[in-house]
Amino acid sequence: MLKALVRAQQAAARLQTRERGATAVEYGLMIALIAAVIVGVVFALGGNLNNIFNTVNTKV
């Protein structure tokens, strides 16, 4: 009976570490997606933002 309990605890511990690794990968993918969106927005709006800052700079 004790051996079965120890095996169950070991299996639960292995499963928990696997889930931690999967969670880390999921967070990494979310961060990469957010970074890609930010880069895309900067490239798409970069020229317009430059013009806005230049206009503000000349008026100041």
PDB file of N, CA and C in Angstrom:
ATOM      1  N   MET A   1       0.829  -1.194   0.000  1.00  0.00           N
ATOM      2  CA  MET A   1       0.000   0.000   0.000  1.00  0.00           C
ATOM      3  C   MET A   1       0.868   1.250   0.000  1.00  0.00           C
ATOM      4  N   LEU A   2       1.931   1.229   0.812  1.00  0.00           N
ATOM      5  CA  LEU A   2       2.819   2.387   0.901  1.00  0.00           C
ATOM      6  C   LEU A   2       3.543   2.606  -0.424  1.00  0.00           C
ATOM      7  N   LYS A   3       3.934   1.517  -1.089  1.00  0.00           N
ATOM      8  CA  LYS A   3       4.610   1.652  -2.383  1.00  0.00           C
ATOM      9  C   LYS A   3       3.692   2.311  -3.412  1.00  0.00           C
ATOM     10  N   ALA A   4       2.436   1.949  -3.403  1.00  0.00           N
ATOM     11  CA  ALA A   4       1.482   2.536  -4.346  1.00  0.00           C
ATOM     12  C   ALA A   4       1.317   4.028  -4.082  1.00  0.00           C
ATOM     13  N   LEU A   5       1.293   4.413  -2.814  1.00  0.00           N
ATOM     14  CA  LEU A   5       1.168   5.824  -2.457  1.00  0.00           C
ATOM     15  C   LEU A   5       2.395   6.607  -2.909  1.00  0.00           C
ATOM     16  N   VAL A   6       3.574   6.028  -2.708  1.00  0.00           N
ATOM     17  CA  VAL A   6       4.815   6.687  -3.124  1.00  0.00           C
ATOM     18  C   VAL A   6       4.845   6.827  -4.642  1.00  0.00           C
ATOM     19  N   ARG A   7       4.450   5.788  -5.359  1.00  0.00           N
ATOM     20  CA  ARG A   7       4.417   5.857  -6.824  1.00  0.00           C
ATOM     21  C   ARG A   7       3.436   6.925  -7.305  1.00  0.00           C
ATOM     22  N   ALA A   8       2.294   7.019  -6.660  1.00  0.00           N
ATOM     23  CA  ALA A   8       1.305   8.030  -7.041  1.00  0.00           C
ATOM     24  C   ALA A   8       1.851   9.434  -6.801  1.00  0.00           C
ATOM     25  N   GLN A   9       2.549   9.620  -5.686  1.00  0.00           N
ATOM     26  CA  GLN A   9       3.140  10.929  -5.395  1.00  0.00           C
ATOM     27  C   GLN A   9       4.222  11.274  -6.413  1.00  0.00           C
ATOM     28  N   GLN A  10       5.036  10.293  -6.777  1.00  0.00           N
ATOM     29  CA  GLN A  10       6.081  10.534  -7.770  1.00  0.00           C
ATOM     30  C   GLN A  10       5.476  10.860  -9.135  1.00  0.00           C
ATOM     31  N   ALA A  11       4.432  10.171  -9.508  1.00  0.00           N
ATOM     32  CA  ALA A  11       3.770  10.443 -10.785  1.00  0.00           C
ATOM     33  C   ALA A  11       3.160  11.841 -10.783  1.00  0.00           C
ATOM     34  N   ALA A  12       2.573  12.233  -9.669  1.00  0.00           N
ATOM     35  CA  ALA A  12       1.993  13.577  -9.568  1.00  0.00           C
ATOM     36  C   ALA A  12       3.080  14.636  -9.656  1.00  0.00           C
ATOM     37  N   ALA A  13       4.228  14.375  -9.047  1.00  0.00           N
ATOM     38  CA  ALA A  13       5.337  15.330  -9.098  1.00  0.00           C
ATOM     39  C   ALA A  13       5.864  15.466 -10.525  1.00  0.00           C
ATOM     40  N   ARG A  14       5.987  14.355 -11.249  1.00  0.00           N
ATOM     41  CA  ARG A  14       6.437  14.417 -12.644  1.00  0.00           C
ATOM     42  C   ARG A  14       5.439  15.184 -13.505  1.00  0.00           C
ATOM     43  N   LEU A  15       4.165  14.949 -13.292  1.00  0.00           N
ATOM     44  CA  LEU A  15       3.134  15.646 -14.059  1.00  0.00           C
ATOM     45  C   LEU A  15       3.177  17.146 -13.782  1.00  0.00           C
ATOM     46  N   GLN A  16       3.399  17.515 -12.539  1.00  0.00           N
ATOM     47  CA  GLN A  16       3.449  18.933 -12.179  1.00  0.00           C
ATOM     48  C   GLN A  16       4.624  19.627 -12.859  1.00  0.00           C
ATOM     49  N   THR A  17       5.791  18.999 -12.917  1.00  0.00           N
ATOM     50  CA  THR A  17       6.937  19.625 -13.567  1.00  0.00           C
ATOM     51  C   THR A  17       6.710  19.734 -15.068  1.00  0.00           C
ATOM     52  N   ARG A  18       6.027  18.772 -15.662  1.00  0.00           N
ATOM     53  CA  ARG A  18       5.725  18.854 -17.088  1.00  0.00           C
ATOM     54  C   ARG A  18       4.786  20.024 -17.369  1.00  0.00           C
ATOM     55  N   GLU A  19       3.814  20.237 -16.498  1.00  0.00           N
ATOM     56  CA  GLU A  19       2.890  21.351 -16.688  1.00  0.00           C
ATOM     57  C   GLU A  19       3.604  22.682 -16.540  1.00  0.00           C
ATOM     58  N   ARG A  20       4.569  22.763 -15.637  1.00  0.00           N
ATOM     59  CA  ARG A  20       5.321  24.006 -15.480  1.00  0.00           C
ATOM     60  C   ARG A  20       6.074  24.336 -16.762  1.00  0.00           C
ATOM     61  N   GLY A  21       6.668  23.330 -17.375  1.00  0.00           N
ATOM     62  CA  GLY A  21       7.383  23.552 -18.623  1.00  0.00           C
ATOM     63  C   GLY A  21       6.447  23.990 -19.739  1.00  0.00           C
ATOM     64  N   ALA A  22       5.280  23.378 -19.797  1.00  0.00           N
ATOM     65  CA  ALA A  22       4.302  23.761 -20.819  1.00  0.00           C
ATOM     66  C   ALA A  22       3.820  25.184 -20.590  1.00  0.00           C
ATOM     67  N   THR A  23       3.626  25.561 -19.338  1.00  0.00           N
ATOM     68  CA  THR A  23       3.191  26.924 -19.033  1.00  0.00           C
ATOM     69  C   THR A  23       4.256  27.924 -19.443  1.00  0.00           C
ATOM     70  N   ALA A  24       5.508  27.602 -19.204  1.00  0.00           N
ATOM     71  CA  ALA A  24       6.596  28.505 -19.594  1.00  0.00           C
ATOM     72  C   ALA A  24       6.628  28.675 -21.109  1.00  0.00           C
ATOM     73  N   VAL A  25       6.405  27.602 -21.833  1.00  0.00           N
ATOM     74  CA  VAL A  25       6.381  27.683 -23.297  1.00  0.00           C
ATOM     75  C   VAL A  25       5.207  28.535 -23.758  1.00  0.00           C
ATOM     76  N   GLU A  26       4.055  28.368 -23.135  1.00  0.00           N
ATOM     77  CA  GLU A  26       2.884  29.169 -23.501  1.00  0.00           C
ATOM     78  C   GLU A  26       3.141  30.651 -23.258  1.00  0.00           C
ATOM     79  N   TYR A  27       3.726  30.984 -22.123  1.00  0.00           N
ATOM     80  CA  TYR A  27       4.044  32.384 -21.850  1.00  0.00           C
ATOM     81  C   TYR A  27       5.062  32.917 -22.855  1.00  0.00           C
ATOM     82  N   GLY A  28       6.024  32.118 -23.212  1.00  0.00           N
ATOM     83  CA  GLY A  28       7.008  32.534 -24.209  1.00  0.00           C
ATOM     84  C   GLY A  28       6.367  32.815 -25.558  1.00  0.00           C
ATOM     85  N   LEU A  29       5.426  31.966 -25.954  1.00  0.00           N
ATOM     86  CA  LEU A  29       4.721  32.186 -27.220  1.00  0.00           C
ATOM     87  C   LEU A  29       3.870  33.453 -27.176  1.00  0.00           C
ATOM     88  N   MET A  30       3.219  33.705 -26.037  1.00  0.00           N
ATOM     89  CA  MET A  30       2.413  34.926 -25.919  1.00  0.00           C
ATOM     90  C   MET A  30       3.292  36.167 -25.995  1.00  0.00           C
ATOM     91  N   ILE A  31       4.442  36.137 -25.341  1.00  0.00           N
ATOM     92  CA  ILE A  31       5.359  37.280 -25.375  1.00  0.00           C
ATOM     93  C   ILE A  31       5.870  37.503 -26.795  1.00  0.00           C
ATOM     94  N   ALA A  32       6.196  36.425 -27.495  1.00  0.00           N
ATOM     95  CA  ALA A  32       6.664  36.555 -28.877  1.00  0.00           C
ATOM     96  C   ALA A  32       5.574  37.139 -29.773  1.00  0.00           C
ATOM     97  N   LEU A  33       4.331  36.724 -29.577  1.00  0.00           N
ATOM     98  CA  LEU A  33       3.221  37.253 -30.370  1.00  0.00           C
ATOM     99  C   LEU A  33       3.010  38.736 -30.092  1.00  0.00           C
ATOM    100  N   ILE A  34       3.054  39.127 -28.827  1.00  0.00           N
ATOM    101  CA  ILE A  34       2.892  40.538 -28.469  1.00  0.00           C
ATOM    102  C   ILE A  34       4.021  41.366 -29.066  1.00  0.00           C
ATOM    103  N   ALA A  35       5.245  40.862 -29.003  1.00  0.00           N
ATOM    104  CA  ALA A  35       6.383  41.585 -29.575  1.00  0.00           C
ATOM    105  C   ALA A  35       6.224  41.735 -31.084  1.00  0.00           C
ATOM    106  N   ALA A  36       5.744  40.692 -31.755  1.00  0.00           N
ATOM    107  CA  ALA A  36       5.546  40.768 -33.204  1.00  0.00           C
ATOM    108  C   ALA A  36       4.482  41.805 -33.557  1.00  0.00           C
ATOM    109  N   VAL A  37       3.427  41.883 -32.769  1.00  0.00           N
ATOM    110  CA  VAL A  37       2.382  42.883 -33.010  1.00  0.00           C
ATOM    111  C   VAL A  37       2.937  44.287 -32.813  1.00  0.00           C
ATOM    112  N   ILE A  38       3.727  44.485 -31.767  1.00  0.00           N
ATOM    113  CA  ILE A  38       4.316  45.806 -31.514  1.00  0.00           C
ATOM    114  C   ILE A  38       5.227  46.210 -32.665  1.00  0.00           C
ATOM    115  N   VAL A  39       6.063  45.290 -33.126  1.00  0.00           N
ATOM    116  CA  VAL A  39       6.964  45.592 -34.247  1.00  0.00           C
ATOM    117  C   VAL A  39       6.155  45.926 -35.497  1.00  0.00           C
ATOM    118  N   GLY A  40       5.099  45.176 -35.759  1.00  0.00           N
ATOM    119  CA  GLY A  40       4.256  45.452 -36.918  1.00  0.00           C
ATOM    120  C   GLY A  40       3.601  46.818 -36.852  1.00  0.00           C
ATOM    121  N   VAL A  41       3.117  47.195 -35.685  1.00  0.00           N
ATOM    122  CA  VAL A  41       2.485  48.507 -35.518  1.00  0.00           C
ATOM    123  C   VAL A  41       3.505  49.621 -35.694  1.00  0.00           C
ATOM    124  N   VAL A  42       4.693  49.436 -35.148  1.00  0.00           N
ATOM    125  CA  VAL A  42       5.731  50.467 -35.276  1.00  0.00           C
ATOM    126  C   VAL A  42       6.107  50.655 -36.741  1.00  0.00           C
ATOM    127  N   PHE A  43       6.268  49.565 -37.478  1.00  0.00           N
ATOM    128  CA  PHE A  43       6.604  49.695 -38.897  1.00  0.00           C
ATOM    129  C   PHE A  43       5.453  50.313 -39.691  1.00  0.00           C
ATOM    130  N   ALA A  44       4.226  49.962 -39.343  1.00  0.00           N
ATOM    131  CA  ALA A  44       3.076  50.484 -40.078  1.00  0.00           C
ATOM    132  C   ALA A  44       2.855  51.970 -39.813  1.00  0.00           C
ATOM    133  N   LEU A  45       3.066  52.390 -38.576  1.00  0.00           N
ATOM    134  CA  LEU A  45       2.787  53.777 -38.205  1.00  0.00           C
ATOM    135  C   LEU A  45       4.042  54.621 -38.038  1.00  0.00           C
ATOM    136  N   GLY A  46       5.192  54.049 -38.272  1.00  0.00           N
ATOM    137  CA  GLY A  46       6.453  54.754 -38.041  1.00  0.00           C
ATOM    138  C   GLY A  46       6.574  56.053 -38.810  1.00  0.00           C
ATOM    139  N   GLY A  47       6.246  56.037 -40.083  1.00  0.00           N
ATOM    140  CA  GLY A  47       6.342  57.243 -40.898  1.00  0.00           C
ATOM    141  C   GLY A  47       5.385  58.324 -40.427  1.00  0.00           C
ATOM    142  N   ASN A  48       4.168  57.944 -40.101  1.00  0.00           N
ATOM    143  CA  ASN A  48       3.181  58.907 -39.620  1.00  0.00           C
ATOM    144  C   ASN A  48       3.606  59.517 -38.292  1.00  0.00           C
ATOM    145  N   LEU A  49       4.129  58.695 -37.398  1.00  0.00           N
ATOM    146  CA  LEU A  49       4.582  59.219 -36.108  1.00  0.00           C
ATOM    147  C   LEU A  49       5.747  60.180 -36.290  1.00  0.00           C
ATOM    148  N   ASN A  50       6.629  59.880 -37.209  1.00  0.00           N
ATOM    149  CA  ASN A  50       7.759  60.765 -37.479  1.00  0.00           C
ATOM    150  C   ASN A  50       7.256  62.116 -37.973  1.00  0.00           C
ATOM    151  N   ASN A  51       6.277  62.110 -38.860  1.00  0.00           N
ATOM    152  CA  ASN A  51       5.708  63.366 -39.353  1.00  0.00           C
ATOM    153  C   ASN A  51       5.031  64.154 -38.233  1.00  0.00           C
ATOM    154  N   ILE A  52       4.316  63.471 -37.367  1.00  0.00           N
ATOM    155  CA  ILE A  52       3.649  64.145 -36.248  1.00  0.00           C
ATOM    156  C   ILE A  52       4.676  64.791 -35.333  1.00  0.00           C
ATOM    157  N   PHE A  53       5.735  64.057 -34.985  1.00  0.00           N
ATOM    158  CA  PHE A  53       6.761  64.613 -34.104  1.00  0.00           C
ATOM    159  C   PHE A  53       7.480  65.786 -34.765  1.00  0.00           C
ATOM    160  N   ASN A  54       7.725  65.702 -36.055  1.00  0.00           N
ATOM    161  CA  ASN A  54       8.363  66.822 -36.755  1.00  0.00           C
ATOM    162  C   ASN A  54       7.461  68.052 -36.760  1.00  0.00           C
ATOM    163  N   THR A  55       6.171  67.858 -36.965  1.00  0.00           N
ATOM    164  CA  THR A  55       5.224  68.975 -36.942  1.00  0.00           C
ATOM    165  C   THR A  55       5.183  69.623 -35.568  1.00  0.00           C
ATOM    166  N   VAL A  56       5.118  68.808 -34.534  1.00  0.00           N
ATOM    167  CA  VAL A  56       5.108  69.337 -33.166  1.00  0.00           C
ATOM    168  C   VAL A  56       6.410  70.054 -32.878  1.00  0.00           C
ATOM    169  N   ASN A  57       7.516  69.513 -33.336  1.00  0.00           N
ATOM    170  CA  ASN A  57       8.824  70.117 -33.095  1.00  0.00           C
ATOM    171  C   ASN A  57       8.924  71.488 -33.758  1.00  0.00           C
ATOM    172  N   THR A  58       8.429  71.619 -34.970  1.00  0.00           N
ATOM    173  CA  THR A  58       8.517  72.915 -35.651  1.00  0.00           C
ATOM    174  C   THR A  58       7.580  73.940 -35.018  1.00  0.00           C
ATOM    175  N   LYS A  59       6.453  73.503 -34.488  1.00  0.00           N
ATOM    176  CA  LYS A  59       5.523  74.435 -33.854  1.00  0.00           C
ATOM    177  C   LYS A  59       5.992  74.870 -32.478  1.00  0.00           C
ATOM    178  N   VAL A  60       6.789  74.054 -31.845  1.00  0.00           N
ATOM    179  CA  VAL A  60       7.304  74.409 -30.514  1.00  0.00           C
ATOM    180  C   VAL A  60       8.472  75.322 -30.723  1.00  0.00           C
TER     181      VAL A  60
END
